[in-house]
Amino acid sequence: YMASNALTHTPPLGFFKNFVLINKGEHKDTLDLKHNGVVPIVDLA
């Protein structure tokens, strides 16, 4: 269950050569380097 929960945070990347950006709100069209970058590694560890 912990592993399943950990995999809900995914890196902001399509399969190849395309970033998946935040698509709405205050931070629209940016990368969240904490929740979608660092947190997935923290969760795995």
All heavy atoms as atom14 arrays in JSON, in Angstrom:
{
  "sequence": "YMASNALTHTPPLGFFKNFVLINKGEHKDTLDLKHNGVVPIVDLA",
  "atom14_mask": [
    [1, 1, 1, 1, 1, 1, 1, 1, 1, 1, 1, 1, 0, 0],
    [1, 1, 1, 1, 1, 1, 1, 1, 0, 0, 0, 0, 0, 0],
    [1, 1, 1, 1, 1, 0, 0, 0, 0, 0, 0, 0, 0, 0],
    [1, 1, 1, 1, 1, 1, 0, 0, 0, 0, 0, 0, 0, 0],
    [1, 1, 1, 1, 1, 1, 1, 1, 0, 0, 0, 0, 0, 0],
    [1, 1, 1, 1, 1, 0, 0, 0, 0, 0, 0, 0, 0, 0],
    [1, 1, 1, 1, 1, 1, 1, 1, 0, 0, 0, 0, 0, 0],
    [1, 1, 1, 1, 1, 1, 1, 0, 0, 0, 0, 0, 0, 0],
    [1, 1, 1, 1, 1, 1, 1, 1, 1, 1, 0, 0, 0, 0],
    [1, 1, 1, 1, 1, 1, 1, 0, 0, 0, 0, 0, 0, 0],
    [1, 1, 1, 1, 1, 1, 1, 0, 0, 0, 0, 0, 0, 0],
    [1, 1, 1, 1, 1, 1, 1, 0, 0, 0, 0, 0, 0, 0],
    [1, 1, 1, 1, 1, 1, 1, 1, 0, 0, 0, 0, 0, 0],
    [1, 1, 1, 1, 0, 0, 0, 0, 0, 0, 0, 0, 0, 0],
    [1, 1, 1, 1, 1, 1, 1, 1, 1, 1, 1, 0, 0, 0],
    [1, 1, 1, 1, 1, 1, 1, 1, 1, 1, 1, 0, 0, 0],
    [1, 1, 1, 1, 1, 1, 1, 1, 1, 0, 0, 0, 0, 0],
    [1, 1, 1, 1, 1, 1, 1, 1, 0, 0, 0, 0, 0, 0],
    [1, 1, 1, 1, 1, 1, 1, 1, 1, 1, 1, 0, 0, 0],
    [1, 1, 1, 1, 1, 1, 1, 0, 0, 0, 0, 0, 0, 0],
    [1, 1, 1, 1, 1, 1, 1, 1, 0, 0, 0, 0, 0, 0],
    [1, 1, 1, 1, 1, 1, 1, 1, 0, 0, 0, 0, 0, 0],
    [1, 1, 1, 1, 1, 1, 1, 1, 0, 0, 0, 0, 0, 0],
    [1, 1, 1, 1, 1, 1, 1, 1, 1, 0, 0, 0, 0, 0],
    [1, 1, 1, 1, 0, 0, 0, 0, 0, 0, 0, 0, 0, 0],
    [1, 1, 1, 1, 1, 1, 1, 1, 1, 0, 0, 0, 0, 0],
    [1, 1, 1, 1, 1, 1, 1, 1, 1, 1, 0, 0, 0, 0],
    [1, 1, 1, 1, 1, 1, 1, 1, 1, 0, 0, 0, 0, 0],
    [1, 1, 1, 1, 1, 1, 1, 1, 0, 0, 0, 0, 0, 0],
    [1, 1, 1, 1, 1, 1, 1, 0, 0, 0, 0, 0, 0, 0],
    [1, 1, 1, 1, 1, 1, 1, 1, 0, 0, 0, 0, 0, 0],
    [1, 1, 1, 1, 1, 1, 1, 1, 0, 0, 0, 0, 0, 0],
    [1, 1, 1, 1, 1, 1, 1, 1, 0, 0, 0, 0, 0, 0],
    [1, 1, 1, 1, 1, 1, 1, 1, 1, 0, 0, 0, 0, 0],
    [1, 1, 1, 1, 1, 1, 1, 1, 1, 1, 0, 0, 0, 0],
    [1, 1, 1, 1, 1, 1, 1, 1, 0, 0, 0, 0, 0, 0],
    [1, 1, 1, 1, 0, 0, 0, 0, 0, 0, 0, 0, 0, 0],
    [1, 1, 1, 1, 1, 1, 1, 0, 0, 0, 0, 0, 0, 0],
    [1, 1, 1, 1, 1, 1, 1, 0, 0, 0, 0, 0, 0, 0],
    [1, 1, 1, 1, 1, 1, 1, 0, 0, 0, 0, 0, 0, 0],
    [1, 1, 1, 1, 1, 1, 1, 1, 0, 0, 0, 0, 0, 0],
    [1, 1, 1, 1, 1, 1, 1, 0, 0, 0, 0, 0, 0, 0],
    [1, 1, 1, 1, 1, 1, 1, 1, 0, 0, 0, 0, 0, 0],
    [1, 1, 1, 1, 1, 1, 1, 1, 0, 0, 0, 0, 0, 0],
    [1, 1, 1, 1, 1, 0, 0, 0, 0, 0, 0, 0, 0, 0]
  ],
  "atom14_positions": [
    [[0.83, -1.2, 0.0], [0.0, 0.0, 0.0], [0.87, 1.26, 0.0], [0.57, 2.25, -0.66], [-0.93, 0.0, 1.21], [-2.22, -0.74, 0.98], [-2.42, -2.01, 1.51], [-3.24, -0.18, 0.22], [-3.6, -2.7, 1.29], [-4.43, -0.86, 0.0], [-4.61, -2.12, 0.54], [-5.78, -2.8, 0.32], [0.0, 0.0, 0.0], [0.0, 0.0, 0.0]],
    [[1.96, 1.24, 0.78], [2.87, 2.39, 0.8], [3.48, 2.62, -0.58], [3.61, 3.76, -1.04], [3.97, 2.16, 1.84], [3.54, 2.39, 3.27], [3.26, 4.14, 3.64], [4.95, 4.76, 3.64], [0.0, 0.0, 0.0], [0.0, 0.0, 0.0], [0.0, 0.0, 0.0], [0.0, 0.0, 0.0], [0.0, 0.0, 0.0], [0.0, 0.0, 0.0]],
    [[3.88, 1.53, -1.24], [4.46, 1.65, -2.58], [3.44, 2.2, -3.56], [3.75, 3.07, -4.38], [4.98, 0.3, -3.04], [0.0, 0.0, 0.0], [0.0, 0.0, 0.0], [0.0, 0.0, 0.0], [0.0, 0.0, 0.0], [0.0, 0.0, 0.0], [0.0, 0.0, 0.0], [0.0, 0.0, 0.0], [0.0, 0.0, 0.0], [0.0, 0.0, 0.0]],
    [[2.2, 1.71, -3.46], [1.14, 2.21, -4.34], [0.92, 3.7, -4.14], [0.79, 4.47, -5.1], [-0.16, 1.44, -4.06], [-1.2, 1.92, -4.88], [0.0, 0.0, 0.0], [0.0, 0.0, 0.0], [0.0, 0.0, 0.0], [0.0, 0.0, 0.0], [0.0, 0.0, 0.0], [0.0, 0.0, 0.0], [0.0, 0.0, 0.0], [0.0, 0.0, 0.0]],
    [[0.91, 4.13, -2.87], [0.75, 5.55, -2.57], [1.93, 6.37, -3.08], [1.77, 7.49, -3.59], [0.59, 5.73, -1.06], [0.28, 7.17, -0.67], [-0.75, 7.71, -1.04], [1.18, 7.79, 0.08], [0.0, 0.0, 0.0], [0.0, 0.0, 0.0], [0.0, 0.0, 0.0], [0.0, 0.0, 0.0], [0.0, 0.0, 0.0], [0.0, 0.0, 0.0]],
    [[3.14, 5.8, -2.97], [4.34, 6.51, -3.43], [4.3, 6.78, -4.92], [4.81, 7.8, -5.39], [5.59, 5.71, -3.08], [0.0, 0.0, 0.0], [0.0, 0.0, 0.0], [0.0, 0.0, 0.0], [0.0, 0.0, 0.0], [0.0, 0.0, 0.0], [0.0, 0.0, 0.0], [0.0, 0.0, 0.0], [0.0, 0.0, 0.0], [0.0, 0.0, 0.0]],
    [[3.68, 5.88, -5.68], [3.68, 6.02, -7.13], [2.64, 7.02, -7.63], [2.54, 7.25, -8.84], [3.45, 4.65, -7.79], [4.48, 3.57, -7.44], [4.3, 2.36, -8.33], [5.91, 4.09, -7.56], [0.0, 0.0, 0.0], [0.0, 0.0, 0.0], [0.0, 0.0, 0.0], [0.0, 0.0, 0.0], [0.0, 0.0, 0.0], [0.0, 0.0, 0.0]],
    [[1.87, 7.62, -6.71], [0.92, 8.65, -7.14], [1.62, 9.96, -7.49], [1.04, 10.79, -8.19], [-0.14, 8.93, -6.05], [0.52, 9.38, -4.86], [-0.94, 7.66, -5.74], [0.0, 0.0, 0.0], [0.0, 0.0, 0.0], [0.0, 0.0, 0.0], [0.0, 0.0, 0.0], [0.0, 0.0, 0.0], [0.0, 0.0, 0.0], [0.0, 0.0, 0.0]],
    [[2.83, 10.15, -6.98], [3.62, 11.33, -7.36], [4.51, 10.93, -8.54], [5.42, 10.11, -8.39], [4.5, 11.8, -6.2], [3.71, 12.39, -5.07], [3.69, 11.84, -3.8], [2.91, 13.48, -5.02], [2.91, 12.57, -3.03], [2.43, 13.57, -3.74], [0.0, 0.0, 0.0], [0.0, 0.0, 0.0], [0.0, 0.0, 0.0], [0.0, 0.0, 0.0]],
    [[4.24, 11.47, -9.69], [4.98, 11.08, -10.89], [5.8, 12.24, -11.43], [5.38, 13.4, -11.36], [4.02, 10.6, -11.99], [3.07, 11.64, -12.26], [3.27, 9.35, -11.54], [0.0, 0.0, 0.0], [0.0, 0.0, 0.0], [0.0, 0.0, 0.0], [0.0, 0.0, 0.0], [0.0, 0.0, 0.0], [0.0, 0.0, 0.0], [0.0, 0.0, 0.0]],
    [[6.98, 11.95, -11.97], [7.8, 13.02, -12.58], [7.05, 13.67, -13.74], [6.29, 13.0, -14.45], [9.04, 12.26, -13.07], [9.08, 11.02, -12.23], [7.65, 10.65, -12.0], [0.0, 0.0, 0.0], [0.0, 0.0, 0.0], [0.0, 0.0, 0.0], [0.0, 0.0, 0.0], [0.0, 0.0, 0.0], [0.0, 0.0, 0.0], [0.0, 0.0, 0.0]],
    [[7.26, 14.96, -13.96], [6.51, 15.7, -14.98], [7.09, 15.51, -16.38], [7.57, 16.45, -17.01], [6.66, 17.15, -14.51], [8.0, 17.19, -13.84], [8.16, 15.84, -13.18], [0.0, 0.0, 0.0], [0.0, 0.0, 0.0], [0.0, 0.0, 0.0], [0.0, 0.0, 0.0], [0.0, 0.0, 0.0], [0.0, 0.0, 0.0], [0.0, 0.0, 0.0]],
    [[7.03, 14.27, -16.85], [7.68, 13.95, -18.12], [6.84, 12.96, -18.91], [6.37, 11.96, -18.37], [9.07, 13.35, -17.86], [9.93, 13.05, -19.08], [10.38, 14.34, -19.74], [11.15, 12.23, -18.67], [0.0, 0.0, 0.0], [0.0, 0.0, 0.0], [0.0, 0.0, 0.0], [0.0, 0.0, 0.0], [0.0, 0.0, 0.0], [0.0, 0.0, 0.0]],
    [[6.64, 13.29, -20.2], [6.07, 12.31, -21.1], [7.11, 11.25, -21.39], [8.23, 11.3, -20.88], [0.0, 0.0, 0.0], [0.0, 0.0, 0.0], [0.0, 0.0, 0.0], [0.0, 0.0, 0.0], [0.0, 0.0, 0.0], [0.0, 0.0, 0.0], [0.0, 0.0, 0.0], [0.0, 0.0, 0.0], [0.0, 0.0, 0.0], [0.0, 0.0, 0.0]],
    [[6.77, 10.29, -22.2], [7.7, 9.19, -22.4], [9.04, 9.68, -22.94], [10.09, 9.22, -22.53], [7.1, 8.14, -23.34], [6.11, 7.28, -22.63], [4.8, 7.26, -23.03], [6.48, 6.52, -21.55], [3.88, 6.48, -22.37], [5.57, 5.74, -20.88], [4.26, 5.71, -21.29], [0.0, 0.0, 0.0], [0.0, 0.0, 0.0], [0.0, 0.0, 0.0]],
    [[9.01, 10.62, -23.9], [10.27, 11.15, -24.41], [10.11, 12.61, -24.83], [9.14, 12.98, -25.51], [10.76, 10.34, -25.62], [11.27, 8.99, -25.24], [10.44, 7.9, -25.37], [12.54, 8.8, -24.73], [10.89, 6.64, -25.01], [12.99, 7.56, -24.35], [12.16, 6.48, -24.5], [0.0, 0.0, 0.0], [0.0, 0.0, 0.0], [0.0, 0.0, 0.0]],
    [[11.05, 13.41, -24.39], [11.27, 14.76, -24.9], [10.12, 15.74, -24.68], [10.01, 16.71, -25.41], [11.61, 14.71, -26.4], [12.78, 13.78, -26.73], [14.03, 14.15, -25.97], [15.19, 13.23, -26.27], [16.36, 13.48, -25.45], [0.0, 0.0, 0.0], [0.0, 0.0, 0.0], [0.0, 0.0, 0.0], [0.0, 0.0, 0.0], [0.0, 0.0, 0.0]],
    [[9.24, 15.5, -23.73], [8.23, 16.51, -23.46], [7.93, 16.59, -21.98], [7.67, 15.59, -21.33], [6.94, 16.24, -24.25], [6.32, 14.89, -23.92], [7.02, 13.91, -23.76], [5.01, 14.86, -23.83], [0.0, 0.0, 0.0], [0.0, 0.0, 0.0], [0.0, 0.0, 0.0], [0.0, 0.0, 0.0], [0.0, 0.0, 0.0], [0.0, 0.0, 0.0]],
    [[8.01, 17.81, -21.42], [7.63, 18.03, -20.03], [6.11, 18.09, -19.93], [5.43, 18.58, -20.85], [8.2, 19.36, -19.52], [9.68, 19.34, -19.29], [10.49, 20.29, -19.9], [10.27, 18.39, -18.47], [11.87, 20.29, -19.69], [11.65, 18.39, -18.25], [12.44, 19.34, -18.86], [0.0, 0.0, 0.0], [0.0, 0.0, 0.0], [0.0, 0.0, 0.0]],
    [[5.6, 17.63, -18.83], [4.18, 17.79, -18.51], [4.08, 18.92, -17.49], [4.51, 18.77, -16.35], [3.57, 16.49, -17.95], [2.1, 16.7, -17.59], [3.71, 15.36, -18.96], [0.0, 0.0, 0.0], [0.0, 0.0, 0.0], [0.0, 0.0, 0.0], [0.0, 0.0, 0.0], [0.0, 0.0, 0.0], [0.0, 0.0, 0.0], [0.0, 0.0, 0.0]],
    [[3.51, 20.05, -17.91], [3.48, 21.25, -17.08], [2.17, 21.33, -16.29], [1.17, 20.71, -16.64], [3.63, 22.5, -17.96], [4.84, 22.53, -18.88], [4.83, 23.81, -19.7], [6.14, 22.4, -18.11], [0.0, 0.0, 0.0], [0.0, 0.0, 0.0], [0.0, 0.0, 0.0], [0.0, 0.0, 0.0], [0.0, 0.0, 0.0], [0.0, 0.0, 0.0]],
    [[2.21, 22.11, -15.21], [0.98, 22.41, -14.48], [0.05, 23.15, -15.43], [0.46, 24.11, -16.1], [1.29, 23.28, -13.24], [2.2, 22.52, -12.27], [0.0, 23.71, -12.55], [2.72, 23.36, -11.13], [0.0, 0.0, 0.0], [0.0, 0.0, 0.0], [0.0, 0.0, 0.0], [0.0, 0.0, 0.0], [0.0, 0.0, 0.0], [0.0, 0.0, 0.0]],
    [[-1.21, 22.69, -15.54], [-2.07, 23.24, -16.59], [-3.11, 24.24, -16.12], [-3.93, 24.69, -16.91], [-2.77, 22.1, -17.36], [-3.61, 21.22, -16.45], [-3.92, 21.61, -15.33], [-3.95, 20.03, -16.92], [0.0, 0.0, 0.0], [0.0, 0.0, 0.0], [0.0, 0.0, 0.0], [0.0, 0.0, 0.0], [0.0, 0.0, 0.0], [0.0, 0.0, 0.0]],
    [[-3.08, 24.61, -14.83], [-4.02, 25.62, -14.37], [-3.53, 26.22, -13.07], [-2.59, 25.72, -12.45], [-5.42, 25.01, -14.18], [-5.47, 23.88, -13.18], [-6.88, 23.28, -13.1], [-6.91, 22.1, -12.12], [-8.26, 21.51, -12.05], [0.0, 0.0, 0.0], [0.0, 0.0, 0.0], [0.0, 0.0, 0.0], [0.0, 0.0, 0.0], [0.0, 0.0, 0.0]],
    [[-4.19, 27.3, -12.65], [-3.88, 27.91, -11.37], [-2.74, 28.91, -11.42], [-2.24, 29.29, -12.48], [0.0, 0.0, 0.0], [0.0, 0.0, 0.0], [0.0, 0.0, 0.0], [0.0, 0.0, 0.0], [0.0, 0.0, 0.0], [0.0, 0.0, 0.0], [0.0, 0.0, 0.0], [0.0, 0.0, 0.0], [0.0, 0.0, 0.0], [0.0, 0.0, 0.0]],
    [[-2.3, 29.29, -10.23], [-1.27, 30.34, -10.07], [0.04, 29.97, -10.76], [0.76, 30.84, -11.26], [-1.04, 30.57, -8.57], [0.03, 31.58, -8.25], [0.32, 31.67, -6.76], [-0.35, 30.95, -5.98], [1.21, 32.45, -6.38], [0.0, 0.0, 0.0], [0.0, 0.0, 0.0], [0.0, 0.0, 0.0], [0.0, 0.0, 0.0], [0.0, 0.0, 0.0]],
    [[0.37, 28.68, -10.78], [1.66, 28.24, -11.31], [1.53, 27.56, -12.67], [2.34, 26.68, -13.02], [2.34, 27.32, -10.31], [2.53, 27.93, -8.96], [3.37, 29.0, -8.74], [1.96, 27.65, -7.76], [3.33, 29.34, -7.46], [2.48, 28.55, -6.85], [0.0, 0.0, 0.0], [0.0, 0.0, 0.0], [0.0, 0.0, 0.0], [0.0, 0.0, 0.0]],
    [[0.52, 27.95, -13.42], [0.28, 27.38, -14.75], [1.52, 27.48, -15.63], [2.26, 28.45, -15.6], [-0.89, 28.11, -15.4], [-1.38, 27.5, -16.71], [-2.6, 28.26, -17.22], [-3.17, 27.62, -18.47], [-2.26, 27.71, -19.62], [0.0, 0.0, 0.0], [0.0, 0.0, 0.0], [0.0, 0.0, 0.0], [0.0, 0.0, 0.0], [0.0, 0.0, 0.0]],
    [[1.76, 26.4, -16.39], [2.86, 26.33, -17.36], [4.24, 26.34, -16.7], [5.21, 26.89, -17.24], [2.77, 27.47, -18.38], [1.52, 27.38, -19.24], [1.05, 26.24, -19.47], [1.0, 28.43, -19.66], [0.0, 0.0, 0.0], [0.0, 0.0, 0.0], [0.0, 0.0, 0.0], [0.0, 0.0, 0.0], [0.0, 0.0, 0.0], [0.0, 0.0, 0.0]],
    [[4.33, 25.77, -15.51], [5.63, 25.6, -14.84], [5.81, 24.14, -14.44], [4.86, 23.35, -14.42], [5.75, 26.48, -13.58], [4.8, 26.03, -12.6], [5.51, 27.94, -13.89], [0.0, 0.0, 0.0], [0.0, 0.0, 0.0], [0.0, 0.0, 0.0], [0.0, 0.0, 0.0], [0.0, 0.0, 0.0], [0.0, 0.0, 0.0], [0.0, 0.0, 0.0]],
    [[7.05, 23.82, -14.08], [7.38, 22.51, -13.51], [7.46, 22.65, -12.0], [8.09, 23.58, -11.5], [8.74, 22.02, -14.02], [8.86, 21.66, -15.5], [10.33, 21.51, -15.87], [8.1, 20.39, -15.81], [0.0, 0.0, 0.0], [0.0, 0.0, 0.0], [0.0, 0.0, 0.0], [0.0, 0.0, 0.0], [0.0, 0.0, 0.0], [0.0, 0.0, 0.0]],
    [[6.83, 21.75, -11.27], [6.93, 21.74, -9.81], [8.08, 20.8, -9.44], [7.91, 19.59, -9.41], [5.62, 21.26, -9.2], [5.63, 21.3, -7.66], [6.72, 21.47, -7.09], [4.56, 21.15, -7.06], [0.0, 0.0, 0.0], [0.0, 0.0, 0.0], [0.0, 0.0, 0.0], [0.0, 0.0, 0.0], [0.0, 0.0, 0.0], [0.0, 0.0, 0.0]],
    [[9.25, 21.38, -9.18], [10.43, 20.57, -8.94], [10.44, 19.92, -7.56], [11.27, 19.04, -7.31], [11.69, 21.41, -9.11], [11.98, 21.86, -10.55], [13.3, 22.62, -10.61], [12.01, 20.68, -11.51], [0.0, 0.0, 0.0], [0.0, 0.0, 0.0], [0.0, 0.0, 0.0], [0.0, 0.0, 0.0], [0.0, 0.0, 0.0], [0.0, 0.0, 0.0]],
    [[9.53, 20.33, -6.68], [9.43, 19.67, -5.39], [8.49, 18.47, -5.48], [8.93, 17.32, -5.35], [8.94, 20.64, -4.31], [8.76, 19.96, -2.95], [8.23, 20.93, -1.89], [8.01, 20.19, -0.56], [7.48, 21.1, 0.5], [0.0, 0.0, 0.0], [0.0, 0.0, 0.0], [0.0, 0.0, 0.0], [0.0, 0.0, 0.0], [0.0, 0.0, 0.0]],
    [[7.2, 18.72, -5.71], [6.21, 17.64, -5.62], [6.31, 16.64, -6.77], [5.98, 15.47, -6.6], [4.81, 18.24, -5.55], [4.54, 18.95, -4.27], [4.59, 20.32, -4.15], [4.27, 18.48, -3.02], [4.34, 20.66, -2.9], [4.15, 19.57, -2.19], [0.0, 0.0, 0.0], [0.0, 0.0, 0.0], [0.0, 0.0, 0.0], [0.0, 0.0, 0.0]],
    [[6.75, 17.09, -7.94], [6.87, 16.17, -9.07], [8.31, 15.82, -9.41], [8.55, 15.0, -10.3], [6.19, 16.76, -10.31], [4.69, 16.93, -10.09], [4.19, 18.04, -10.11], [3.99, 15.84, -9.88], [0.0, 0.0, 0.0], [0.0, 0.0, 0.0], [0.0, 0.0, 0.0], [0.0, 0.0, 0.0], [0.0, 0.0, 0.0], [0.0, 0.0, 0.0]],
    [[9.26, 16.44, -8.71], [10.67, 16.15, -8.96], [11.32, 15.43, -7.81], [11.78, 14.29, -7.94], [0.0, 0.0, 0.0], [0.0, 0.0, 0.0], [0.0, 0.0, 0.0], [0.0, 0.0, 0.0], [0.0, 0.0, 0.0], [0.0, 0.0, 0.0], [0.0, 0.0, 0.0], [0.0, 0.0, 0.0], [0.0, 0.0, 0.0], [0.0, 0.0, 0.0]],
    [[11.35, 16.07, -6.63], [12.04, 15.51, -5.47], [11.17, 14.51, -4.71], [11.64, 13.44, -4.3], [12.49, 16.64, -4.52], [13.08, 16.07, -3.24], [13.51, 17.54, -5.22], [0.0, 0.0, 0.0], [0.0, 0.0, 0.0], [0.0, 0.0, 0.0], [0.0, 0.0, 0.0], [0.0, 0.0, 0.0], [0.0, 0.0, 0.0], [0.0, 0.0, 0.0]],
    [[9.89, 14.85, -4.52], [9.02, 14.0, -3.7], [8.94, 12.55, -4.2], [8.95, 11.62, -3.39], [7.61, 14.63, -3.58], [6.61, 13.64, -3.0], [7.68, 15.87, -2.69], [0.0, 0.0, 0.0], [0.0, 0.0, 0.0], [0.0, 0.0, 0.0], [0.0, 0.0, 0.0], [0.0, 0.0, 0.0], [0.0, 0.0, 0.0], [0.0, 0.0, 0.0]],
    [[8.85, 12.29, -5.53], [8.83, 10.89, -5.96], [10.05, 10.1, -5.49], [9.93, 8.91, -5.15], [8.78, 11.0, -7.48], [8.12, 12.31, -7.75], [8.61, 13.22, -6.66], [0.0, 0.0, 0.0], [0.0, 0.0, 0.0], [0.0, 0.0, 0.0], [0.0, 0.0, 0.0], [0.0, 0.0, 0.0], [0.0, 0.0, 0.0], [0.0, 0.0, 0.0]],
    [[11.22, 10.73, -5.45], [12.43, 10.04, -4.97], [12.35, 9.83, -3.47], [12.69, 8.76, -2.95], [13.69, 10.85, -5.35], [13.75, 11.07, -6.85], [14.95, 10.11, -4.86], [14.9, 11.96, -7.29], [0.0, 0.0, 0.0], [0.0, 0.0, 0.0], [0.0, 0.0, 0.0], [0.0, 0.0, 0.0], [0.0, 0.0, 0.0], [0.0, 0.0, 0.0]],
    [[11.89, 10.86, -2.74], [11.71, 10.75, -1.29], [10.76, 9.6, -0.97], [11.0, 8.8, -0.06], [11.17, 12.08, -0.72], [10.73, 11.92, 0.73], [12.22, 13.17, -0.83], [0.0, 0.0, 0.0], [0.0, 0.0, 0.0], [0.0, 0.0, 0.0], [0.0, 0.0, 0.0], [0.0, 0.0, 0.0], [0.0, 0.0, 0.0], [0.0, 0.0, 0.0]],
    [[9.66, 9.5, -1.73], [8.68, 8.44, -1.51], [9.29, 7.06, -1.73], [9.06, 6.13, -0.96], [7.49, 8.63, -2.44], [6.61, 9.81, -2.04], [6.74, 10.3, -0.91], [5.77, 10.23, -2.87], [0.0, 0.0, 0.0], [0.0, 0.0, 0.0], [0.0, 0.0, 0.0], [0.0, 0.0, 0.0], [0.0, 0.0, 0.0], [0.0, 0.0, 0.0]],
    [[10.05, 6.92, -2.81], [10.7, 5.63, -3.1], [11.66, 5.24, -1.99], [11.7, 4.09, -1.54], [11.44, 5.7, -4.43], [10.59, 5.77, -5.69], [11.48, 6.03, -6.91], [9.8, 4.49, -5.89], [0.0, 0.0, 0.0], [0.0, 0.0, 0.0], [0.0, 0.0, 0.0], [0.0, 0.0, 0.0], [0.0, 0.0, 0.0], [0.0, 0.0, 0.0]],
    [[12.45, 6.21, -1.54], [13.43, 5.93, -0.48], [12.74, 5.56, 0.83], [13.23, 4.7, 1.57], [14.33, 7.14, -0.28], [0.0, 0.0, 0.0], [0.0, 0.0, 0.0], [0.0, 0.0, 0.0], [0.0, 0.0, 0.0], [0.0, 0.0, 0.0], [0.0, 0.0, 0.0], [0.0, 0.0, 0.0], [0.0, 0.0, 0.0], [0.0, 0.0, 0.0]]
  ]
}
